[in-house]
Amino acid sequence: MKLSRKELSSISRRDFLKASGLSAGGLVIGVSLPTGVLGSVHDSSFEPNAFVYIAPNGDTTIHCGRCEMGQGISTALPAAVADELEADWSRVRVLQGDADKKYGPQATGGSQSINTMLGPMRKAGAAGKEMLIAAAAAQWGLPAGKCYAKSHAVHNKADERTLPYSELVAAASQMEVPAEPVLKTRDQFRYMGKP
C-alpha cells in the first residue's frame, strides 16, 4: 500500500514505533536529533531520526547518519547507548545510515556529531532500559522499582530471578516510550569515558 505525503505526515510517532517494532519483532526506539547544526532539511513535515533497534535475540543496533572521520562516533555513540541501556558491550554495534533523508543532514564536519547526538542517544538507551524493566516487572507482577537492568538482562531485586533482554523485547515494544527517562550520573558509567 502506497501512502501519500499527507498520509505519511499524519502518522503519529507512537503508531510508527509500534508498527516498526511489530513488523521486525524487536524493540525500536526513535530519537529526535537536532537539525541545523551542519545543514537543514527543507521539508517542514520531516523530523530526522536515528533509530536504536533491539533485535529479538537482544542484540542492539544503532543507525547513525553521520560518518566516522576520526571523532570516534562509532565508539562514543554505541558506548552511550550501551551504558544507559545496561547492555553487554559485545552485543552493541553501529551501522552507517544510508542516503535516506530520514537520517537527517549527513554532512560530517566541525566535530559536531558527538555534540549533537550524544544526549539523544543516551536518552534512547535509558528509555529502552526503562521499557525492558517495565516489561520484566509486569511479567513478575512487581513494581518496576523492584527490578534493575545489568548486562543485557533485567534482575529481580528480591530473589535475583533474571530475564534476558531477548525475552522482553516483544513486550517492551508494546509500551509507551518514556519522554524523559532517567539518565545515569557520570560515576555510574561503565563504558563512556573509559579506555
Protein backbone atom coordinates (compact mmCIF):
# COMPACT_ATOMS: atom_id res chain seq x y z
CA MET A 1 0.00 0.00 0.00
CA LYS A 2 1.41 3.36 -1.01
CA LEU A 3 0.65 6.37 1.19
CA SER A 4 0.59 9.98 0.07
CA ARG A 5 2.93 12.55 1.63
CA LYS A 6 -0.04 13.95 3.58
CA GLU A 7 -0.98 10.49 4.90
CA LEU A 8 2.63 9.79 5.86
CA SER A 9 2.93 13.09 7.73
CA SER A 10 -0.22 12.32 9.75
CA ILE A 11 1.16 9.07 11.21
CA SER A 12 1.98 9.61 14.86
CA ARG A 13 5.41 8.77 16.22
CA ARG A 14 3.81 6.25 18.59
CA ASP A 15 1.99 4.45 15.75
CA PHE A 16 5.16 4.40 13.66
CA LEU A 17 7.22 2.96 16.50
CA LYS A 18 4.60 0.34 17.33
CA ALA A 19 4.31 -0.76 13.70
CA SER A 20 8.08 -0.79 13.24
CA GLY A 21 8.63 -2.88 16.35
CA LEU A 22 5.87 -5.32 15.47
CA SER A 23 6.96 -5.79 11.89
CA ALA A 24 10.52 -6.65 12.83
CA GLY A 25 9.76 -8.48 16.05
CA GLY A 26 12.10 -6.24 18.03
CA LEU A 27 12.12 -3.04 20.02
CA VAL A 28 12.65 0.18 18.06
CA ILE A 29 13.29 3.46 19.85
CA GLY A 30 13.14 6.66 17.82
CA VAL A 31 15.40 9.53 18.74
CA SER A 32 14.76 13.06 17.60
CA LEU A 33 18.03 14.69 16.62
CA PRO A 34 18.81 18.39 16.41
CA THR A 35 18.87 19.91 12.93
CA GLY A 36 20.51 22.96 11.50
CA VAL A 37 23.95 22.38 13.01
CA LEU A 38 25.52 21.36 9.72
CA GLY A 39 22.60 21.93 7.40
CA SER A 40 18.87 21.61 7.36
CA VAL A 41 16.13 19.66 5.67
CA HIS A 42 13.76 21.86 3.70
CA ASP A 43 10.64 19.80 4.29
CA SER A 44 8.63 21.18 7.20
CA SER A 45 6.95 17.84 7.88
CA PHE A 46 10.26 15.95 8.15
CA GLU A 47 11.70 15.15 11.58
CA PRO A 48 15.11 13.47 11.31
CA ASN A 49 15.52 10.39 13.46
CA ALA A 50 18.21 7.89 14.30
CA PHE A 51 16.96 4.54 15.49
CA VAL A 52 18.10 2.23 18.19
CA TYR A 53 16.95 -1.28 17.39
CA ILE A 54 16.97 -4.20 19.78
CA ALA A 55 16.56 -7.46 17.86
CA PRO A 56 14.53 -10.41 19.17
CA ASN A 57 17.81 -12.05 20.20
CA GLY A 58 18.69 -8.97 22.29
CA ASP A 59 21.43 -7.60 20.03
CA THR A 60 21.39 -3.80 19.78
CA THR A 61 22.00 -1.81 16.61
CA ILE A 62 22.37 1.96 16.25
CA HIS A 63 21.79 3.51 12.84
CA CYS A 64 23.97 6.60 12.56
CA GLY A 65 23.52 9.27 9.92
CA ARG A 66 26.96 10.80 10.33
CA CYS A 67 30.25 9.45 9.02
CA GLU A 68 33.16 8.38 11.19
CA MET A 69 36.04 10.70 10.35
CA GLY A 70 38.24 10.42 13.38
CA GLN A 71 35.90 11.83 16.03
CA GLY A 72 35.20 8.41 17.48
CA ILE A 73 31.43 8.43 16.90
CA SER A 74 31.46 4.74 16.01
CA THR A 75 32.62 4.10 19.57
CA ALA A 76 31.11 7.01 21.51
CA LEU A 77 27.51 6.63 20.33
CA PRO A 78 27.28 2.86 20.92
CA ALA A 79 29.01 3.36 24.30
CA ALA A 80 26.39 5.94 25.29
CA VAL A 81 23.50 3.67 24.32
CA ALA A 82 25.11 0.59 25.90
CA ASP A 83 25.78 2.43 29.14
CA GLU A 84 22.26 3.76 29.51
CA LEU A 85 20.66 0.54 28.28
CA GLU A 86 22.82 -1.62 30.58
CA ALA A 87 23.73 -3.60 27.50
CA ASP A 88 26.56 -6.03 27.06
CA TRP A 89 29.11 -4.04 25.05
CA SER A 90 29.87 -7.01 22.83
CA ARG A 91 26.22 -7.03 21.68
CA VAL A 92 26.08 -3.39 20.53
CA ARG A 93 27.01 -2.28 17.03
CA VAL A 94 26.60 0.78 14.85
CA LEU A 95 25.54 0.78 11.22
CA GLN A 96 26.09 3.70 8.91
CA GLY A 97 22.75 5.09 7.76
CA ASP A 98 22.19 5.00 4.04
CA ALA A 99 21.45 8.11 1.99
CA ASP A 100 17.83 8.21 3.14
CA LYS A 101 16.78 11.66 4.35
CA LYS A 102 15.22 10.09 7.47
CA TYR A 103 18.73 10.22 8.93
CA GLY A 104 18.77 13.99 8.61
CA PRO A 105 21.63 16.12 7.38
CA GLN A 106 24.50 13.74 6.79
CA ALA A 107 27.27 16.26 6.44
CA THR A 108 30.18 15.46 8.70
CA GLY A 109 32.44 18.21 9.92
CA GLY A 110 33.03 20.73 12.62
CA SER A 111 33.25 17.99 15.26
CA GLN A 112 29.51 18.28 15.81
CA SER A 113 28.39 14.63 15.59
CA ILE A 114 29.07 13.80 19.23
CA ASN A 115 27.94 17.23 20.45
CA THR A 116 24.55 16.90 18.75
CA MET A 117 23.91 13.16 19.03
CA LEU A 118 25.32 12.01 22.38
CA GLY A 119 22.48 13.35 24.55
CA PRO A 120 19.67 11.99 22.38
CA MET A 121 21.37 8.60 22.09
CA ARG A 122 21.81 8.41 25.87
CA LYS A 123 18.09 9.12 26.23
CA ALA A 124 17.29 6.38 23.72
CA GLY A 125 19.31 3.85 25.72
CA ALA A 126 17.77 4.95 29.02
CA ALA A 127 14.25 4.79 27.55
CA GLY A 128 14.90 1.28 26.27
CA LYS A 129 16.15 0.20 29.68
CA GLU A 130 13.06 1.60 31.41
CA MET A 131 10.80 -0.20 28.93
CA LEU A 132 12.63 -3.52 29.37
CA ILE A 133 12.47 -3.17 33.16
CA ALA A 134 8.74 -2.40 32.96
CA ALA A 135 8.21 -5.49 30.77
CA ALA A 136 10.03 -7.72 33.27
CA ALA A 137 8.22 -6.16 36.23
CA ALA A 138 4.87 -6.81 34.55
CA GLN A 139 5.83 -10.43 33.88
CA TRP A 140 6.83 -10.92 37.51
CA GLY A 141 3.89 -8.91 38.89
CA LEU A 142 6.20 -6.45 40.63
CA PRO A 143 6.61 -2.68 40.66
CA ALA A 144 9.39 -1.58 38.28
CA GLY A 145 11.33 -0.22 41.27
CA LYS A 146 11.89 -3.79 42.45
CA CYS A 147 13.87 -4.57 39.30
CA TYR A 148 17.13 -3.41 37.77
CA ALA A 149 18.94 -3.91 34.48
CA LYS A 150 22.51 -5.13 34.13
CA SER A 151 24.48 -6.98 31.45
CA HIS A 152 21.71 -7.30 28.87
CA ALA A 153 19.16 -8.63 31.38
CA VAL A 154 16.63 -7.46 33.96
CA HIS A 155 17.05 -8.74 37.50
CA ASN A 156 14.53 -9.10 40.33
CA LYS A 157 15.99 -7.45 43.47
CA ALA A 158 14.05 -9.73 45.83
CA ASP A 159 15.07 -13.14 44.58
CA GLU A 160 17.60 -12.45 41.81
CA ARG A 161 15.45 -14.00 39.08
CA THR A 162 16.73 -12.83 35.71
CA LEU A 163 15.15 -12.28 32.31
CA PRO A 164 17.45 -11.64 29.33
CA TYR A 165 16.53 -8.76 27.03
CA SER A 166 15.75 -11.28 24.29
CA GLU A 167 12.76 -12.49 26.34
CA LEU A 168 11.49 -8.95 26.94
CA VAL A 169 11.74 -7.10 23.61
CA ALA A 170 8.30 -8.22 22.37
CA ALA A 171 6.50 -6.96 25.49
CA ALA A 172 8.64 -3.82 25.72
CA SER A 173 7.88 -2.91 22.10
CA GLN A 174 4.20 -2.55 23.05
CA MET A 175 4.92 0.06 25.72
CA GLU A 176 4.94 3.82 25.61
CA VAL A 177 8.41 5.27 25.05
CA PRO A 178 9.29 7.35 28.14
CA ALA A 179 9.61 11.03 27.24
CA GLU A 180 12.15 11.84 29.96
CA PRO A 181 13.97 8.69 31.04
CA VAL A 182 16.35 8.92 33.98
CA LEU A 183 19.96 9.18 32.82
CA LYS A 184 22.95 7.79 34.66
CA THR A 185 25.32 10.04 36.55
CA ARG A 186 28.95 10.14 35.45
CA ASP A 187 30.07 7.86 38.31
CA GLN A 188 27.67 5.15 37.06
CA PHE A 189 29.17 4.92 33.55
CA ARG A 190 30.58 1.53 32.60
CA TYR A 191 31.67 2.37 29.05
CA MET A 192 31.58 6.12 28.47
CA GLY A 193 34.85 7.82 29.25
CA LYS A 194 36.64 4.52 29.76
CA PRO A 195 39.70 3.47 27.74
